[in-house]
């Protein structure tokens, strides 16, 4: 028995992903990595009741804290089923209120959406099965050509994004730009990590779930915009492509991470079930290398902590 680790699985897309994983991977252990263990245990009971899957556990992981990431890895490594067949980096935030910081003092959207999953992934690599998959939940908002209405990302080094200088932009615009930039970072990471793992059978991919109303990403929006997100946006799926339910997107994410149908997909970007091109900036090799190097410097990762070359 091997393990499938899912972050952000107590609700929304992540929960539906875990539900689908329980159906298609009955002989694997599912690890719900989450900050709130009460929510994690409730998710487990719900999934077990509906799927009869017997091997689901919840483990504490707070992506606002790199110490929590290290503690998660230390605890997981002592588990009996500590060989990983799939890692699904799904958790994320979109903060459009006043700027918040992680425990280490990083801007929170960048810290939670990029730094923590990057750190988690690299430190878990020594525990990966030779045929493992690593999947990052990204977003079409990273690509200006998609015309999502969100401000375009602006590429900067990890240090510049972790410790941003003040901006004259409105809170909403600045927060949305931090989010779209973090999603660009996820895709840049996918391409760089896959290149560094090119001599292995480990596959790394990015997944765009589309616009999925009601998942909690809008929790820091104004009451009016939260109302629109929860009550108006769901109706758009009947008129606009790539507007989805959490159930549909979660199922697609699970299949990408575990199904044999995607066993040859390496270093790809998927919009739902379709492999498509990501943004022009995401293929910029200099951006990929700069983000990789600057994130490693920010985290001070040592070569003996991971199994992938850091240079």
Protein backbone atom coordinates (compact mmCIF):
# COMPACT_ATOMS: atom_id res chain seq x y z
CA UNK A 1 0.00 0.00 0.00
CA UNK A 2 1.25 3.45 -1.00
CA UNK A 3 0.08 6.92 -0.02
CA UNK A 4 -1.71 9.70 -1.85
CA UNK A 5 -1.27 13.06 -0.11
CA UNK A 6 -3.81 15.81 -0.77
CA UNK A 7 -3.65 19.36 0.60
CA UNK A 8 -6.78 21.48 0.85
CA UNK A 9 -9.02 18.41 0.97
CA UNK A 10 -11.49 19.40 3.70
CA UNK A 11 -13.75 21.25 1.27
CA UNK A 12 -14.32 22.35 -2.30
CA UNK A 13 -12.25 20.86 -5.11
CA UNK A 14 -9.85 19.10 -2.74
CA UNK A 15 -12.62 17.28 -0.90
CA UNK A 16 -14.20 16.12 -4.16
CA UNK A 17 -10.73 15.08 -5.36
CA UNK A 18 -10.28 12.96 -2.22
CA UNK A 19 -13.73 11.45 -2.76
CA UNK A 20 -12.82 10.42 -6.31
CA UNK A 21 -9.40 9.12 -5.21
CA UNK A 22 -11.19 6.91 -2.67
CA UNK A 23 -13.20 5.41 -5.54
CA UNK A 24 -10.36 4.83 -8.02
CA UNK A 25 -7.59 3.95 -5.54
CA UNK A 26 -9.20 1.53 -3.07
CA UNK A 27 -5.90 -0.11 -2.19
CA UNK A 28 -3.91 3.05 -1.44
CA UNK A 29 -3.75 5.13 1.72
CA UNK A 30 -5.23 8.63 1.41
CA UNK A 31 -3.61 11.32 3.54
CA UNK A 32 -5.64 14.47 4.07
CA UNK A 33 -3.05 17.07 5.04
CA UNK A 34 -4.83 19.98 6.70
CA UNK A 35 -4.56 22.64 9.38
CA UNK A 36 -7.86 21.87 11.11
CA UNK A 37 -7.92 18.27 12.28
CA UNK A 38 -11.61 18.45 13.20
CA UNK A 39 -12.43 19.36 9.59
CA UNK A 40 -10.05 16.65 8.41
CA UNK A 41 -11.75 13.98 10.48
CA UNK A 42 -15.19 15.12 9.34
CA UNK A 43 -14.05 14.85 5.71
CA UNK A 44 -12.73 11.35 6.39
CA UNK A 45 -16.00 10.18 7.90
CA UNK A 46 -17.95 11.60 4.96
CA UNK A 47 -15.69 9.93 2.40
CA UNK A 48 -15.69 6.60 4.24
CA UNK A 49 -19.48 6.56 4.46
CA UNK A 50 -19.86 7.16 0.73
CA UNK A 51 -17.02 5.01 -0.62
CA UNK A 52 -16.25 2.38 2.07
CA UNK A 53 -12.56 3.21 1.67
CA UNK A 54 -10.78 1.90 4.75
CA UNK A 55 -7.42 3.65 4.66
CA UNK A 56 -7.85 7.40 5.05
CA UNK A 57 -5.99 9.43 7.63
CA UNK A 58 -5.72 13.10 8.52
CA UNK A 59 -2.38 14.69 9.40
CA UNK A 60 -1.69 18.25 10.58
CA UNK A 61 -0.19 20.61 8.00
CA UNK A 62 -0.33 24.40 8.14
CA UNK A 63 1.01 25.91 4.92
CA UNK A 64 1.46 29.24 6.68
CA UNK A 65 4.36 27.68 8.59
CA UNK A 66 7.48 26.03 7.17
CA UNK A 67 8.04 24.46 10.59
CA UNK A 68 4.65 22.77 10.18
CA UNK A 69 5.77 21.48 6.77
CA UNK A 70 8.90 19.98 8.34
CA UNK A 71 6.88 18.44 11.17
CA UNK A 72 4.41 16.94 8.70
CA UNK A 73 7.23 15.31 6.75
CA UNK A 74 8.88 14.01 9.91
CA UNK A 75 5.60 12.50 11.11
CA UNK A 76 4.67 11.07 7.70
CA UNK A 77 8.09 9.47 7.24
CA UNK A 78 7.50 7.36 10.37
CA UNK A 79 4.16 6.03 9.06
CA UNK A 80 4.03 2.42 7.86
CA UNK A 81 2.83 3.39 4.34
CA UNK A 82 5.28 6.21 3.66
CA UNK A 83 5.96 5.55 -0.02
CA UNK A 84 4.13 8.24 -2.02
CA UNK A 85 2.39 7.37 -5.28
CA UNK A 86 0.75 10.80 -5.70
CA UNK A 87 1.14 14.28 -4.19
CA UNK A 88 -1.66 16.73 -4.95
CA UNK A 89 -0.78 20.32 -4.06
CA UNK A 90 -4.29 21.70 -4.12
CA UNK A 91 -4.53 24.08 -1.14
CA UNK A 92 -4.41 27.78 -1.85
CA UNK A 93 -5.69 31.20 -0.86
CA UNK A 94 -6.65 34.46 -2.53
CA UNK A 95 -6.31 37.35 -0.09
CA UNK A 96 -7.70 40.64 -1.38
CA UNK A 97 -7.82 42.30 2.05
CA UNK A 98 -4.91 43.93 3.87
CA UNK A 99 -1.61 42.16 3.26
CA UNK A 100 -0.99 39.24 5.62
CA UNK A 101 2.23 37.42 6.44
CA UNK A 102 3.11 33.79 7.04
CA UNK A 103 4.88 32.65 10.21
CA UNK A 104 8.22 33.27 8.48
CA UNK A 105 7.18 36.77 7.42
CA UNK A 106 6.47 36.03 3.74
CA UNK A 107 3.52 37.65 1.97
CA UNK A 108 0.79 35.09 2.63
CA UNK A 109 -0.55 34.41 -0.89
CA UNK A 110 2.95 33.78 -2.20
CA UNK A 111 3.94 31.85 0.92
CA UNK A 112 0.92 29.54 0.98
CA UNK A 113 0.39 29.12 -2.76
CA UNK A 114 4.02 28.78 -3.85
CA UNK A 115 6.67 28.60 -1.12
CA UNK A 116 5.06 25.98 1.13
CA UNK A 117 4.03 23.51 -1.62
CA UNK A 118 7.45 23.96 -3.26
CA UNK A 119 9.11 23.14 0.07
CA UNK A 120 6.73 20.24 0.78
CA UNK A 121 7.34 18.75 -2.66
CA UNK A 122 11.12 18.92 -2.57
CA UNK A 123 11.37 17.48 0.94
CA UNK A 124 8.95 14.65 0.07
CA UNK A 125 10.78 13.66 -3.12
CA UNK A 126 13.02 11.10 -1.32
CA UNK A 127 9.81 9.28 -0.30
CA UNK A 128 8.31 9.26 -3.80
CA UNK A 129 7.61 6.03 -5.65
CA UNK A 130 9.55 5.70 -8.90
CA UNK A 131 6.26 6.16 -10.83
CA UNK A 132 4.78 8.87 -8.62
CA UNK A 133 2.82 11.89 -9.80
CA UNK A 134 3.01 15.45 -8.51
CA UNK A 135 0.12 17.75 -9.38
CA UNK A 136 -0.25 21.45 -8.69
CA UNK A 137 -3.66 23.12 -8.83
CA UNK A 138 -3.04 26.22 -10.94
CA UNK A 139 -5.49 28.64 -12.55
CA UNK A 140 -6.31 30.03 -15.96
CA UNK A 141 -6.08 33.47 -14.37
CA UNK A 142 -2.30 33.25 -14.78
CA UNK A 143 -2.73 33.79 -18.53
CA UNK A 144 -3.77 37.28 -19.71
CA UNK A 145 -4.89 35.79 -23.03
CA UNK A 146 -7.68 33.93 -21.20
CA UNK A 147 -9.31 37.30 -20.41
CA UNK A 148 -10.56 36.19 -16.99
CA UNK A 149 -10.95 39.74 -15.74
CA UNK A 150 -8.10 39.28 -13.27
CA UNK A 151 -4.96 41.46 -13.43
CA UNK A 152 -1.99 39.92 -15.23
CA UNK A 153 0.77 38.40 -13.12
CA UNK A 154 4.09 40.20 -12.86
CA UNK A 155 7.11 37.92 -12.64
CA UNK A 156 9.61 38.68 -9.89
CA UNK A 157 12.16 36.69 -7.91
CA UNK A 158 11.06 34.76 -4.83
CA UNK A 159 12.63 37.30 -2.48
CA UNK A 160 10.82 40.19 -4.18
CA UNK A 161 7.49 38.34 -3.95
CA UNK A 162 8.05 37.20 -0.37
CA UNK A 163 8.84 40.74 0.76
CA UNK A 164 6.92 42.97 -1.66
CA UNK A 165 7.31 46.73 -1.73
CA UNK A 166 4.19 48.86 -1.15
CA UNK A 167 1.97 49.41 -4.19
CA UNK A 168 -0.45 52.17 -5.17
CA UNK A 169 -2.92 49.57 -6.49
CA UNK A 170 -6.31 49.15 -4.83
CA UNK A 171 -6.54 46.29 -2.33
CA UNK A 172 -8.69 44.18 -4.67
CA UNK A 173 -6.36 44.62 -7.66
CA UNK A 174 -3.20 44.05 -5.63
CA UNK A 175 -4.64 40.94 -3.99
CA UNK A 176 -5.82 39.49 -7.27
CA UNK A 177 -2.44 40.16 -8.87
CA UNK A 178 -0.67 38.39 -6.00
CA UNK A 179 -2.96 35.42 -6.68
CA UNK A 180 -2.43 35.30 -10.45
CA UNK A 181 1.32 35.66 -9.93
CA UNK A 182 1.31 32.77 -7.45
CA UNK A 183 -0.47 30.59 -10.01
CA UNK A 184 2.12 31.51 -12.64
CA UNK A 185 4.72 30.47 -10.08
CA UNK A 186 3.04 27.06 -9.73
CA UNK A 187 3.29 26.45 -13.46
CA UNK A 188 6.87 27.69 -13.72
CA UNK A 189 7.69 25.24 -10.90
CA UNK A 190 5.98 22.36 -12.71
CA UNK A 191 8.04 22.89 -15.85
CA UNK A 192 11.35 23.37 -14.04
CA UNK A 193 10.83 20.43 -11.68
CA UNK A 194 9.81 18.12 -14.53
CA UNK A 195 12.93 19.10 -16.45
CA UNK A 196 15.09 18.30 -13.43
CA UNK A 197 13.29 14.95 -13.06
CA UNK A 198 13.51 14.13 -16.78
CA UNK A 199 15.69 11.08 -16.13
CA UNK A 200 13.00 9.59 -13.86
CA UNK A 201 9.46 8.27 -14.35
CA UNK A 202 7.99 10.80 -11.92
CA UNK A 203 5.48 13.04 -13.67
CA UNK A 204 4.71 16.63 -12.73
CA UNK A 205 1.66 18.45 -14.08
CA UNK A 206 -0.44 21.57 -13.54
CA UNK A 207 -4.24 21.58 -13.39
CA UNK A 208 -6.63 24.46 -14.04
CA UNK A 209 -9.98 23.64 -12.39
CA UNK A 210 -11.65 26.57 -14.12
CA UNK A 211 -13.91 29.00 -12.31
CA UNK A 212 -15.38 27.02 -9.43
CA UNK A 213 -17.77 29.15 -7.35
CA UNK A 214 -18.23 28.55 -3.64
CA UNK A 215 -14.84 26.99 -2.86
CA UNK A 216 -13.73 29.54 -0.26
CA UNK A 217 -11.27 31.44 -2.44
CA UNK A 218 -13.57 34.47 -2.24
CA UNK A 219 -13.67 34.56 1.56
CA UNK A 220 -11.74 37.86 1.77
CA UNK A 221 -13.88 39.59 -0.87
CA UNK A 222 -16.53 42.17 0.04
CA UNK A 223 -19.97 40.82 1.10
CA UNK A 224 -21.41 41.83 -2.28
CA UNK A 225 -18.68 40.05 -4.27
CA UNK A 226 -19.00 36.98 -2.04
CA UNK A 227 -22.73 36.94 -2.78
CA UNK A 228 -22.03 37.15 -6.52
CA UNK A 229 -19.42 34.38 -6.27
CA UNK A 230 -21.71 32.04 -4.36
CA UNK A 231 -25.03 32.75 -6.08
CA UNK A 232 -24.45 34.22 -9.54
CA UNK A 233 -21.24 32.57 -10.73
CA UNK A 234 -22.67 29.01 -10.39
CA UNK A 235 -25.22 29.87 -13.08
CA UNK A 236 -22.47 30.85 -15.50
CA UNK A 237 -21.54 27.22 -16.10
CA UNK A 238 -24.59 26.95 -18.35
CA UNK A 239 -23.34 29.79 -20.59
CA UNK A 240 -19.55 30.10 -20.32
CA UNK A 241 -16.91 27.41 -20.89
CA UNK A 242 -14.59 26.38 -18.04
CA UNK A 243 -17.01 27.28 -15.26
CA UNK A 244 -17.32 24.10 -13.21
CA UNK A 245 -18.68 22.55 -10.07
CA UNK A 246 -16.31 21.48 -7.32
CA UNK A 247 -17.40 17.89 -7.90
CA UNK A 248 -16.49 17.88 -11.59
CA UNK A 249 -13.17 19.66 -11.10
CA UNK A 250 -12.24 17.50 -8.11
CA UNK A 251 -12.92 14.36 -10.09
CA UNK A 252 -10.76 15.59 -12.98
CA UNK A 253 -7.93 16.52 -10.61
CA UNK A 254 -8.01 13.06 -9.03
CA UNK A 255 -7.95 11.35 -12.40
CA UNK A 256 -5.01 13.45 -13.59
CA UNK A 257 -3.07 12.59 -10.44
CA UNK A 258 -3.78 8.86 -10.32
CA UNK A 259 -5.49 7.43 -13.40
CA UNK A 260 -3.46 5.38 -15.88
CA UNK A 261 -5.04 7.52 -18.60
CA UNK A 262 -2.49 10.22 -17.76
CA UNK A 263 0.54 8.05 -17.06
CA UNK A 264 2.44 9.55 -20.02
CA UNK A 265 1.62 13.18 -19.19
CA UNK A 266 4.80 14.86 -17.96
CA UNK A 267 5.33 18.59 -17.58
CA UNK A 268 1.89 19.44 -19.00
CA UNK A 269 -0.84 21.97 -18.28
CA UNK A 270 -4.43 20.76 -18.19
CA UNK A 271 -7.63 22.78 -18.36
CA UNK A 272 -10.01 20.24 -16.92
CA UNK A 273 -9.46 17.09 -18.99
CA UNK A 274 -7.81 18.93 -21.90
CA UNK A 275 -4.09 19.45 -22.27
CA UNK A 276 -3.61 23.04 -23.44
CA UNK A 277 -0.85 25.61 -23.68
CA UNK A 278 -0.26 27.76 -20.61
CA UNK A 279 0.75 31.43 -20.82
CA UNK A 280 3.69 32.71 -22.82
CA UNK A 281 5.48 33.76 -19.63
CA UNK A 282 5.15 30.28 -18.15
CA UNK A 283 7.44 28.87 -20.86
CA UNK A 284 10.14 31.47 -20.21
CA UNK A 285 13.10 29.30 -19.20
CA UNK A 286 14.86 32.22 -17.54
CA UNK A 287 11.78 32.80 -15.36
CA UNK A 288 11.66 29.10 -14.48
CA UNK A 289 15.32 29.04 -13.49
CA UNK A 290 15.17 32.33 -11.58
CA UNK A 291 12.12 31.28 -9.58
CA UNK A 292 13.67 27.88 -8.81
CA UNK A 293 17.00 29.31 -7.68
CA UNK A 294 15.55 32.21 -5.71
CA UNK A 295 13.01 29.98 -3.93
CA UNK A 296 15.74 27.56 -2.90
CA UNK A 297 17.78 30.50 -1.61
CA UNK A 298 14.75 31.84 0.27
CA UNK A 299 14.15 28.45 1.90
CA UNK A 300 17.84 27.64 2.34
CA UNK A 301 17.23 24.06 1.19
CA UNK A 302 20.30 21.82 1.32
CA UNK A 303 21.08 19.16 -1.29
CA UNK A 304 20.93 16.36 1.30
CA UNK A 305 17.30 17.26 2.07
CA UNK A 306 15.95 16.27 -1.35
CA UNK A 307 16.61 13.83 -4.17
CA UNK A 308 16.45 16.31 -7.05
CA UNK A 309 19.41 18.42 -8.12
CA UNK A 310 19.10 21.94 -6.74
CA UNK A 311 21.42 23.45 -9.36
